[in-house]
Amino acid sequence: MKSKIKRILFHLPKESITKLRYYYVTGKKLNLKEPKDFNQKVLYLMLKEFGEKQTKCSDKYLVREYVKEKGLEDILTKLYYKYNNANEINFEKLPDEYVLKPNHGCGNIFVVTKHNTYSREDIIKSLNNALLKNYAKETLEYQYNNIKPCILCEQYLKEENRETPTDYKISCFNGKAKFILVIADRNTEMKKAYYDLDWQKMDCTIKPQNGNFEKPKNFEKMIEIAEKLSEDFKFVRVDLYNINGNIYFGELTFTPRGGINTTIKQEYLDKWGELIKL
């Protein structure tokens, strides 16, 4: 659905619009009375159970408080500055390499390095435009609705031979990690692959997976962290980075691919749906 239509639909009853969106994407009716597969149960949670905690943990600024509350402050990236708008940015005070991003949605991320620069005018214009957006209206993911927008300037995580660090996305159900999606080279030729906890590649995607990744040496520590951060939720995806053995927090994701993942085989959507206990 185009974002302009979604912004109009946002003001209509959530359940009706979610059913319409699900049918538009999948061609199937959304069963909220007896949801079965992964997509249906994620959407059920969004409509029936999400509250202040999901909103706080979807806020890239406030989620830092949650991580600290869990005793995991050491995995947070350095936060250099927080801005109410991009006009406040004093570029002369920033380090040589840094990341600028809004806290309330996705996209509009500027990774500034020695080899990757942007004009200051473009950064300011893009980030200020992003602050005007309500991503709940853009995506119909309602946990983003009450986030107060701001801009974060954070530490740049440098991984050898990669412009952006490899992303380890660990799906957790009732505080237990079950599988992991690894993504690398987002800005060039993106590579991705799903693995189980024994680091065996999972044949779960409709299209072939193009990534082959080595298991991190401290993988068990990553799982421990993911399970600690997920213990308050029936489902959440914990996104982590692992740079030279140092684990860093990325974000918490409650509705992967907007709650309607069309890249996964139905048999796996069914299996993963069974893991969510409503």
C-alpha atoms as a PDB file:
ATOM      1  CA  MET A   1       0.000   0.000   0.000  1.00  0.00           C
ATOM      2  CA  LYS A   2       1.320   3.433  -0.858  1.00  0.00           C
ATOM      3  CA  SER A   3       2.176   5.597   2.139  1.00  0.00           C
ATOM      4  CA  LYS A   4      -0.303   8.351   1.145  1.00  0.00           C
ATOM      5  CA  ILE A   5      -3.181   5.848   1.274  1.00  0.00           C
ATOM      6  CA  LYS A   6      -1.868   4.488   4.583  1.00  0.00           C
ATOM      7  CA  ARG A   7      -1.901   7.976   6.103  1.00  0.00           C
ATOM      8  CA  ILE A   8      -5.582   8.268   5.213  1.00  0.00           C
ATOM      9  CA  LEU A   9      -6.407   4.786   6.490  1.00  0.00           C
ATOM     10  CA  PHE A  10      -4.569   5.433   9.780  1.00  0.00           C
ATOM     11  CA  HIS A  11      -7.560   7.364  11.118  1.00  0.00           C
ATOM     12  CA  LEU A  12      -9.945   4.433  10.613  1.00  0.00           C
ATOM     13  CA  PRO A  13     -10.399   1.544  13.117  1.00  0.00           C
ATOM     14  CA  LYS A  14      -7.076  -0.267  13.573  1.00  0.00           C
ATOM     15  CA  GLU A  15      -8.444  -3.784  13.316  1.00  0.00           C
ATOM     16  CA  SER A  16     -10.361  -3.124  10.120  1.00  0.00           C
ATOM     17  CA  ILE A  17      -7.409  -1.432   8.449  1.00  0.00           C
ATOM     18  CA  THR A  18      -4.977  -4.160   9.511  1.00  0.00           C
ATOM     19  CA  LYS A  19      -7.297  -6.764   8.010  1.00  0.00           C
ATOM     20  CA  LEU A  20      -7.474  -4.747   4.795  1.00  0.00           C
ATOM     21  CA  ARG A  21      -3.687  -4.346   4.662  1.00  0.00           C
ATOM     22  CA  TYR A  22      -3.155  -8.059   5.291  1.00  0.00           C
ATOM     23  CA  TYR A  23      -5.568  -8.988   2.515  1.00  0.00           C
ATOM     24  CA  TYR A  24      -3.982  -6.459   0.151  1.00  0.00           C
ATOM     25  CA  VAL A  25      -0.511  -7.959   0.699  1.00  0.00           C
ATOM     26  CA  THR A  26      -1.311 -11.676   1.013  1.00  0.00           C
ATOM     27  CA  GLY A  27      -4.683 -12.157  -0.694  1.00  0.00           C
ATOM     28  CA  LYS A  28      -5.862 -13.931   2.475  1.00  0.00           C
ATOM     29  CA  LYS A  29      -8.245 -13.035   5.274  1.00  0.00           C
ATOM     30  CA  LEU A  30      -6.666 -12.164   8.613  1.00  0.00           C
ATOM     31  CA  ASN A  31      -7.957 -14.411  11.396  1.00  0.00           C
ATOM     32  CA  LEU A  32      -7.723 -12.472  14.665  1.00  0.00           C
ATOM     33  CA  LYS A  33     -10.120 -14.732  16.588  1.00  0.00           C
ATOM     34  CA  GLU A  34      -7.870 -17.771  16.188  1.00  0.00           C
ATOM     35  CA  PRO A  35      -4.566 -16.537  14.714  1.00  0.00           C
ATOM     36  CA  LYS A  36      -2.279 -19.393  13.718  1.00  0.00           C
ATOM     37  CA  ASP A  37       0.833 -18.437  11.801  1.00  0.00           C
ATOM     38  CA  PHE A  38       3.624 -16.016  12.655  1.00  0.00           C
ATOM     39  CA  ASN A  39       2.287 -13.024  10.729  1.00  0.00           C
ATOM     40  CA  GLN A  40      -1.215 -13.358  12.144  1.00  0.00           C
ATOM     41  CA  LYS A  41       0.018 -13.622  15.723  1.00  0.00           C
ATOM     42  CA  VAL A  42       2.406 -10.673  15.391  1.00  0.00           C
ATOM     43  CA  LEU A  43      -0.472  -8.548  14.086  1.00  0.00           C
ATOM     44  CA  TYR A  44      -2.697  -9.844  16.889  1.00  0.00           C
ATOM     45  CA  LEU A  45      -0.108  -8.746  19.454  1.00  0.00           C
ATOM     46  CA  MET A  46       0.160  -5.327  17.805  1.00  0.00           C
ATOM     47  CA  LEU A  47      -3.598  -4.780  17.885  1.00  0.00           C
ATOM     48  CA  LYS A  48      -4.487  -6.427  21.186  1.00  0.00           C
ATOM     49  CA  GLU A  49      -1.509  -6.285  23.507  1.00  0.00           C
ATOM     50  CA  PHE A  50       0.988  -3.581  22.552  1.00  0.00           C
ATOM     51  CA  GLY A  51       1.241  -0.738  25.051  1.00  0.00           C
ATOM     52  CA  GLU A  52       3.636   1.822  26.499  1.00  0.00           C
ATOM     53  CA  LYS A  53       6.523  -0.632  26.834  1.00  0.00           C
ATOM     54  CA  GLN A  54       6.484  -1.535  23.130  1.00  0.00           C
ATOM     55  CA  THR A  55       6.352   2.164  22.227  1.00  0.00           C
ATOM     56  CA  LYS A  56       9.235   2.996  24.567  1.00  0.00           C
ATOM     57  CA  CYS A  57      11.324   0.137  23.222  1.00  0.00           C
ATOM     58  CA  SER A  58      10.592   1.134  19.612  1.00  0.00           C
ATOM     59  CA  ASP A  59      11.998   4.598  20.381  1.00  0.00           C
ATOM     60  CA  LYS A  60      15.707   4.447  19.523  1.00  0.00           C
ATOM     61  CA  TYR A  61      16.411   6.972  22.287  1.00  0.00           C
ATOM     62  CA  LEU A  62      14.231   5.704  25.135  1.00  0.00           C
ATOM     63  CA  VAL A  63      15.111   2.058  24.476  1.00  0.00           C
ATOM     64  CA  ARG A  64      18.552   2.914  25.841  1.00  0.00           C
ATOM     65  CA  GLU A  65      16.906   3.295  29.270  1.00  0.00           C
ATOM     66  CA  TYR A  66      15.379  -0.177  28.914  1.00  0.00           C
ATOM     67  CA  VAL A  67      18.774  -1.678  28.031  1.00  0.00           C
ATOM     68  CA  LYS A  68      20.302  -0.013  31.098  1.00  0.00           C
ATOM     69  CA  GLU A  69      17.465  -1.314  33.293  1.00  0.00           C
ATOM     70  CA  LYS A  70      18.391  -4.824  32.143  1.00  0.00           C
ATOM     71  CA  GLY A  71      21.968  -4.264  33.346  1.00  0.00           C
ATOM     72  CA  LEU A  72      23.369  -4.174  29.806  1.00  0.00           C
ATOM     73  CA  GLU A  73      24.583  -0.579  29.549  1.00  0.00           C
ATOM     74  CA  ASP A  74      27.965  -1.823  28.332  1.00  0.00           C
ATOM     75  CA  ILE A  75      26.486  -2.933  24.967  1.00  0.00           C
ATOM     76  CA  LEU A  76      25.103   0.509  24.106  1.00  0.00           C
ATOM     77  CA  THR A  77      26.873   2.512  21.436  1.00  0.00           C
ATOM     78  CA  LYS A  78      28.192   5.903  22.518  1.00  0.00           C
ATOM     79  CA  LEU A  79      25.569   8.631  22.240  1.00  0.00           C
ATOM     80  CA  TYR A  80      27.370  11.853  21.366  1.00  0.00           C
ATOM     81  CA  TYR A  81      24.397  14.195  21.070  1.00  0.00           C
ATOM     82  CA  LYS A  82      20.603  14.341  21.006  1.00  0.00           C
ATOM     83  CA  TYR A  83      18.923  17.100  18.969  1.00  0.00           C
ATOM     84  CA  ASN A  84      15.359  18.354  18.794  1.00  0.00           C
ATOM     85  CA  ASN A  85      15.927  19.302  15.146  1.00  0.00           C
ATOM     86  CA  ALA A  86      18.743  19.153  12.626  1.00  0.00           C
ATOM     87  CA  ASN A  87      19.406  22.889  12.809  1.00  0.00           C
ATOM     88  CA  GLU A  88      20.913  22.293  16.258  1.00  0.00           C
ATOM     89  CA  ILE A  89      23.712  20.122  14.861  1.00  0.00           C
ATOM     90  CA  ASN A  90      27.143  21.706  15.297  1.00  0.00           C
ATOM     91  CA  PHE A  91      29.141  19.714  12.768  1.00  0.00           C
ATOM     92  CA  GLU A  92      32.413  21.215  13.997  1.00  0.00           C
ATOM     93  CA  LYS A  93      31.982  19.404  17.329  1.00  0.00           C
ATOM     94  CA  LEU A  94      31.326  15.983  15.826  1.00  0.00           C
ATOM     95  CA  PRO A  95      34.019  13.277  15.611  1.00  0.00           C
ATOM     96  CA  ASP A  96      35.529  12.278  12.270  1.00  0.00           C
ATOM     97  CA  GLU A  97      33.087   9.364  11.947  1.00  0.00           C
ATOM     98  CA  TYR A  98      29.553   9.161  13.311  1.00  0.00           C
ATOM     99  CA  VAL A  99      25.946   8.140  12.629  1.00  0.00           C
ATOM    100  CA  LEU A 100      22.996  10.546  12.514  1.00  0.00           C
ATOM    101  CA  LYS A 101      19.479   9.102  12.640  1.00  0.00           C
ATOM    102  CA  PRO A 102      15.946   9.890  13.805  1.00  0.00           C
ATOM    103  CA  ASN A 103      14.660   7.945  16.800  1.00  0.00           C
ATOM    104  CA  HIS A 104      11.098   7.299  15.709  1.00  0.00           C
ATOM    105  CA  GLY A 105      11.139   5.160  12.580  1.00  0.00           C
ATOM    106  CA  CYS A 106      13.379   3.722   9.909  1.00  0.00           C
ATOM    107  CA  GLY A 107      15.500   5.206   7.153  1.00  0.00           C
ATOM    108  CA  ASN A 108      17.074   8.682   6.914  1.00  0.00           C
ATOM    109  CA  ILE A 109      20.261   7.317   8.501  1.00  0.00           C
ATOM    110  CA  PHE A 110      23.512   9.084   7.670  1.00  0.00           C
ATOM    111  CA  VAL A 111      26.678   7.061   8.217  1.00  0.00           C
ATOM    112  CA  VAL A 112      29.442   9.643   7.938  1.00  0.00           C
ATOM    113  CA  THR A 113      32.981   8.285   7.561  1.00  0.00           C
ATOM    114  CA  LYS A 114      36.267   9.324   5.988  1.00  0.00           C
ATOM    115  CA  HIS A 115      35.161   7.592   2.801  1.00  0.00           C
ATOM    116  CA  ASN A 116      31.455   8.399   2.930  1.00  0.00           C
ATOM    117  CA  THR A 117      30.445  12.045   3.250  1.00  0.00           C
ATOM    118  CA  TYR A 118      27.304  14.114   2.659  1.00  0.00           C
ATOM    119  CA  SER A 119      26.651  17.809   2.312  1.00  0.00           C
ATOM    120  CA  ARG A 120      25.525  19.392   5.552  1.00  0.00           C
ATOM    121  CA  GLU A 121      22.580  20.958   3.754  1.00  0.00           C
ATOM    122  CA  ASP A 122      21.357  17.534   2.604  1.00  0.00           C
ATOM    123  CA  ILE A 123      21.683  16.086   6.107  1.00  0.00           C
ATOM    124  CA  ILE A 124      19.758  18.946   7.704  1.00  0.00           C
ATOM    125  CA  LYS A 125      16.994  18.921   5.102  1.00  0.00           C
ATOM    126  CA  SER A 126      16.538  15.150   5.157  1.00  0.00           C
ATOM    127  CA  LEU A 127      16.526  14.821   8.952  1.00  0.00           C
ATOM    128  CA  ASN A 128      14.163  17.753   9.483  1.00  0.00           C
ATOM    129  CA  ASN A 129      11.776  16.246   6.924  1.00  0.00           C
ATOM    130  CA  ALA A 130      11.995  12.925   8.761  1.00  0.00           C
ATOM    131  CA  LEU A 131      11.029  14.593  12.045  1.00  0.00           C
ATOM    132  CA  LEU A 132       7.749  15.712  10.481  1.00  0.00           C
ATOM    133  CA  LYS A 133       6.729  12.130   9.712  1.00  0.00           C
ATOM    134  CA  ASN A 134       4.603   9.918  11.928  1.00  0.00           C
ATOM    135  CA  TYR A 135       5.849   6.444  11.015  1.00  0.00           C
ATOM    136  CA  ALA A 136       2.748   4.836  12.456  1.00  0.00           C
ATOM    137  CA  LYS A 137       0.817   6.583   9.686  1.00  0.00           C
ATOM    138  CA  GLU A 138       3.442   5.643   7.107  1.00  0.00           C
ATOM    139  CA  THR A 139       3.566   1.926   7.981  1.00  0.00           C
ATOM    140  CA  LEU A 140       0.418   1.253  10.083  1.00  0.00           C
ATOM    141  CA  GLU A 141       2.661  -0.118  12.845  1.00  0.00           C
ATOM    142  CA  TYR A 142       0.887   1.504  15.776  1.00  0.00           C
ATOM    143  CA  GLN A 143       3.672   1.175  18.351  1.00  0.00           C
ATOM    144  CA  TYR A 144       5.403   4.123  16.649  1.00  0.00           C
ATOM    145  CA  ASN A 145       2.466   6.492  17.096  1.00  0.00           C
ATOM    146  CA  ASN A 146       3.357   8.233  20.366  1.00  0.00           C
ATOM    147  CA  ILE A 147       7.114   8.536  19.984  1.00  0.00           C
ATOM    148  CA  LYS A 148       8.431  12.084  20.391  1.00  0.00           C
ATOM    149  CA  PRO A 149      10.777  12.626  17.412  1.00  0.00           C
ATOM    150  CA  CYS A 150      14.390  13.641  17.895  1.00  0.00           C
ATOM    151  CA  ILE A 151      17.760  13.112  16.195  1.00  0.00           C
ATOM    152  CA  LEU A 152      20.578  11.003  17.622  1.00  0.00           C
ATOM    153  CA  CYS A 153      24.277  11.282  16.899  1.00  0.00           C
ATOM    154  CA  GLU A 154      25.903   7.976  17.774  1.00  0.00           C
ATOM    155  CA  GLN A 155      29.178   6.108  17.548  1.00  0.00           C
ATOM    156  CA  TYR A 156      30.061   4.647  14.153  1.00  0.00           C
ATOM    157  CA  LEU A 157      30.711   0.913  14.418  1.00  0.00           C
ATOM    158  CA  LYS A 158      33.534   0.061  12.075  1.00  0.00           C
ATOM    159  CA  GLU A 159      33.792  -3.482  10.764  1.00  0.00           C
ATOM    160  CA  GLU A 160      36.790  -4.376   8.631  1.00  0.00           C
ATOM    161  CA  ASN A 161      36.088  -4.413   4.882  1.00  0.00           C
ATOM    162  CA  ARG A 162      32.472  -3.306   5.355  1.00  0.00           C
ATOM    163  CA  GLU A 163      30.874   0.137   5.193  1.00  0.00           C
ATOM    164  CA  THR A 164      28.071  -0.938   7.526  1.00  0.00           C
ATOM    165  CA  PRO A 165      28.432  -3.559  10.271  1.00  0.00           C
ATOM    166  CA  THR A 166      26.947  -7.037   9.983  1.00  0.00           C
ATOM    167  CA  ASP A 167      23.511  -7.150  11.616  1.00  0.00           C
ATOM    168  CA  TYR A 168      22.503 -10.131  13.768  1.00  0.00           C
ATOM    169  CA  LYS A 169      18.721 -10.203  14.186  1.00  0.00           C
ATOM    170  CA  ILE A 170      17.740 -12.717  16.864  1.00  0.00           C
ATOM    171  CA  SER A 171      14.054 -13.698  17.037  1.00  0.00           C
ATOM    172  CA  CYS A 172      12.946 -14.409  20.593  1.00  0.00           C
ATOM    173  CA  PHE A 173       9.714 -15.973  21.813  1.00  0.00           C
ATOM    174  CA  ASN A 174       8.734 -15.602  25.480  1.00  0.00           C
ATOM    175  CA  GLY A 175      12.340 -14.802  26.325  1.00  0.00           C
ATOM    176  CA  LYS A 176      13.892 -17.667  24.377  1.00  0.00           C
ATOM    177  CA  ALA A 177      15.945 -17.196  21.202  1.00  0.00           C
ATOM    178  CA  LYS A 178      14.901 -19.527  18.385  1.00  0.00           C
ATOM    179  CA  PHE A 179      16.603 -18.388  15.181  1.00  0.00           C
ATOM    180  CA  ILE A 180      18.692 -15.588  13.728  1.00  0.00           C
ATOM    181  CA  LEU A 181      18.765 -13.564  10.523  1.00  0.00           C
ATOM    182  CA  VAL A 182      22.173 -12.244   9.499  1.00  0.00           C
ATOM    183  CA  ILE A 183      22.419  -9.284   7.107  1.00  0.00           C
ATOM    184  CA  ALA A 184      25.569  -7.690   5.701  1.00  0.00           C
ATOM    185  CA  ASP A 185      26.550  -5.088   3.089  1.00  0.00           C
ATOM    186  CA  ARG A 186      23.245  -3.225   3.188  1.00  0.00           C
ATOM    187  CA  ASN A 187      24.492  -0.336   1.086  1.00  0.00           C
ATOM    188  CA  THR A 188      26.047  -2.419  -1.685  1.00  0.00           C
ATOM    189  CA  GLU A 189      25.146  -6.003  -2.589  1.00  0.00           C
ATOM    190  CA  MET A 190      23.092  -7.034   0.421  1.00  0.00           C
ATOM    191  CA  LYS A 191      23.681 -10.550   1.733  1.00  0.00           C
ATOM    192  CA  LYS A 192      21.388 -12.360   4.153  1.00  0.00           C
ATOM    193  CA  ALA A 193      20.761 -15.800   5.608  1.00  0.00           C
ATOM    194  CA  TYR A 194      18.740 -17.425   8.390  1.00  0.00           C
ATOM    195  CA  TYR A 195      20.390 -19.753  10.917  1.00  0.00           C
ATOM    196  CA  ASP A 196      19.140 -21.894  13.775  1.00  0.00           C
ATOM    197  CA  LEU A 197      20.909 -21.822  17.136  1.00  0.00           C
ATOM    198  CA  ASP A 198      23.247 -24.642  16.027  1.00  0.00           C
ATOM    199  CA  TRP A 199      24.315 -22.329  13.173  1.00  0.00           C
ATOM    200  CA  GLN A 200      22.734 -24.509  10.527  1.00  0.00           C
ATOM    201  CA  LYS A 201      21.293 -22.526   7.639  1.00  0.00           C
ATOM    202  CA  MET A 202      17.498 -22.690   7.578  1.00  0.00           C
ATOM    203  CA  ASP A 203      15.739 -23.385   4.273  1.00  0.00           C
ATOM    204  CA  CYS A 204      12.909 -21.060   5.242  1.00  0.00           C
ATOM    205  CA  THR A 205      12.834 -18.408   2.514  1.00  0.00           C
ATOM    206  CA  ILE A 206      10.891 -18.487  -0.733  1.00  0.00           C
ATOM    207  CA  LYS A 207      13.851 -17.109  -2.689  1.00  0.00           C
ATOM    208  CA  PRO A 208      17.389 -18.529  -2.293  1.00  0.00           C
ATOM    209  CA  GLN A 209      19.513 -16.987   0.439  1.00  0.00           C
ATOM    210  CA  ASN A 210      22.721 -15.359  -0.779  1.00  0.00           C
ATOM    211  CA  GLY A 211      24.688 -15.092   2.475  1.00  0.00           C
ATOM    212  CA  ASN A 212      27.226 -17.403   4.061  1.00  0.00           C
ATOM    213  CA  PHE A 213      28.422 -16.286   7.473  1.00  0.00           C
ATOM    214  CA  GLU A 214      30.711 -17.718  10.106  1.00  0.00           C
ATOM    215  CA  LYS A 215      29.329 -18.242  13.577  1.00  0.00           C
ATOM    216  CA  PRO A 216      30.612 -15.500  15.921  1.00  0.00           C
ATOM    217  CA  LYS A 217      33.024 -16.820  18.548  1.00  0.00           C
ATOM    218  CA  ASN A 218      30.939 -15.314  21.344  1.00  0.00           C
ATOM    219  CA  PHE A 219      27.609 -16.350  19.853  1.00  0.00           C
ATOM    220  CA  GLU A 220      26.399 -17.816  23.158  1.00  0.00           C
ATOM    221  CA  LYS A 221      26.914 -14.423  24.798  1.00  0.00           C
ATOM    222  CA  MET A 222      24.812 -12.799  22.071  1.00  0.00           C
ATOM    223  CA  ILE A 223      22.011 -15.274  22.750  1.00  0.00           C
ATOM    224  CA  GLU A 224      22.240 -14.581  26.482  1.00  0.00           C
ATOM    225  CA  ILE A 225      21.899 -10.845  25.855  1.00  0.00           C
ATOM    226  CA  ALA A 226      19.010 -11.293  23.410  1.00  0.00           C
ATOM    227  CA  GLU A 227      17.097 -13.459  25.860  1.00  0.00           C
ATOM    228  CA  LYS A 228      17.640 -10.936  28.660  1.00  0.00           C
ATOM    229  CA  LEU A 229      16.293  -8.098  26.509  1.00  0.00           C
ATOM    230  CA  SER A 230      13.326 -10.160  25.263  1.00  0.00           C
ATOM    231  CA  GLU A 231      12.123 -11.641  28.542  1.00  0.00           C
ATOM    232  CA  ASP A 232       9.275  -9.108  28.944  1.00  0.00           C
ATOM    233  CA  PHE A 233       7.704  -9.840  25.553  1.00  0.00           C
ATOM    234  CA  LYS A 234       5.861 -12.696  23.857  1.00  0.00           C
ATOM    235  CA  PHE A 235       7.804 -11.921  20.699  1.00  0.00           C
ATOM    236  CA  VAL A 236      10.520  -9.456  19.816  1.00  0.00           C
ATOM    237  CA  ARG A 237      13.484  -9.445  17.457  1.00  0.00           C
ATOM    238  CA  VAL A 238      16.690  -8.301  19.138  1.00  0.00           C
ATOM    239  CA  ASP A 239      19.132  -6.695  16.699  1.00  0.00           C
ATOM    240  CA  LEU A 240      22.786  -6.820  17.719  1.00  0.00           C
ATOM    241  CA  TYR A 241      26.197  -6.110  16.193  1.00  0.00           C
ATOM    242  CA  ASN A 242      29.421  -7.969  16.871  1.00  0.00           C
ATOM    243  CA  ILE A 243      32.604  -6.017  16.100  1.00  0.00           C
ATOM    244  CA  ASN A 244      35.896  -7.745  16.894  1.00  0.00           C
ATOM    245  CA  GLY A 245      34.214  -9.726  19.635  1.00  0.00           C
ATOM    246  CA  ASN A 246      32.485  -6.678  21.134  1.00  0.00           C
ATOM    247  CA  ILE A 247      28.697  -6.933  21.183  1.00  0.00           C
ATOM    248  CA  TYR A 248      26.623  -3.792  20.578  1.00  0.00           C
ATOM    249  CA  PHE A 249      22.891  -3.155  20.796  1.00  0.00           C
ATOM    250  CA  GLY A 250      21.033  -2.169  17.629  1.00  0.00           C
ATOM    251  CA  GLU A 251      17.311  -2.048  18.311  1.00  0.00           C
ATOM    252  CA  LEU A 252      14.213  -4.022  19.294  1.00  0.00           C
ATOM    253  CA  THR A 253      11.765  -4.858  16.510  1.00  0.00           C
ATOM    254  CA  PHE A 254       8.217  -5.974  17.343  1.00  0.00           C
ATOM    255  CA  THR A 255       6.698  -6.182  13.859  1.00  0.00           C
ATOM    256  CA  PRO A 256       9.327  -7.409  11.365  1.00  0.00           C
ATOM    257  CA  ARG A 257       8.489  -6.319   7.817  1.00  0.00           C
ATOM    258  CA  GLY A 258       5.461  -4.490   9.174  1.00  0.00           C
ATOM    259  CA  GLY A 259       4.041  -7.693  10.637  1.00  0.00           C
ATOM    260  CA  ILE A 260       3.497  -9.267   7.203  1.00  0.00           C
ATOM    261  CA  ASN A 261       6.559 -11.215   6.106  1.00  0.00           C
ATOM    262  CA  THR A 262       5.985 -12.501   2.573  1.00  0.00           C
ATOM    263  CA  THR A 263       9.548 -13.777   2.122  1.00  0.00           C
ATOM    264  CA  ILE A 264       9.106 -16.859   4.339  1.00  0.00           C
ATOM    265  CA  LYS A 265       7.685 -20.255   3.362  1.00  0.00           C
ATOM    266  CA  GLN A 266       4.277 -20.979   4.857  1.00  0.00           C
ATOM    267  CA  GLU A 267       5.510 -24.073   6.691  1.00  0.00           C
ATOM    268  CA  TYR A 268       7.940 -21.908   8.649  1.00  0.00           C
ATOM    269  CA  LEU A 269       5.357 -19.193   9.288  1.00  0.00           C
ATOM    270  CA  ASP A 270       3.231 -21.960  10.807  1.00  0.00           C
ATOM    271  CA  LYS A 271       6.121 -23.286  12.935  1.00  0.00           C
ATOM    272  CA  TRP A 272       7.067 -19.845  14.180  1.00  0.00           C
ATOM    273  CA  GLY A 273       3.431 -19.043  14.879  1.00  0.00           C
ATOM    274  CA  GLU A 274       3.278 -22.014  17.256  1.00  0.00           C
ATOM    275  CA  LEU A 275       6.099 -20.439  19.273  1.00  0.00           C
ATOM    276  CA  ILE A 276       4.016 -17.363  20.141  1.00  0.00           C
ATOM    277  CA  LYS A 277       1.810 -18.250  23.100  1.00  0.00           C
ATOM    278  CA  LEU A 278      -1.148 -15.867  23.249  1.00  0.00           C
END
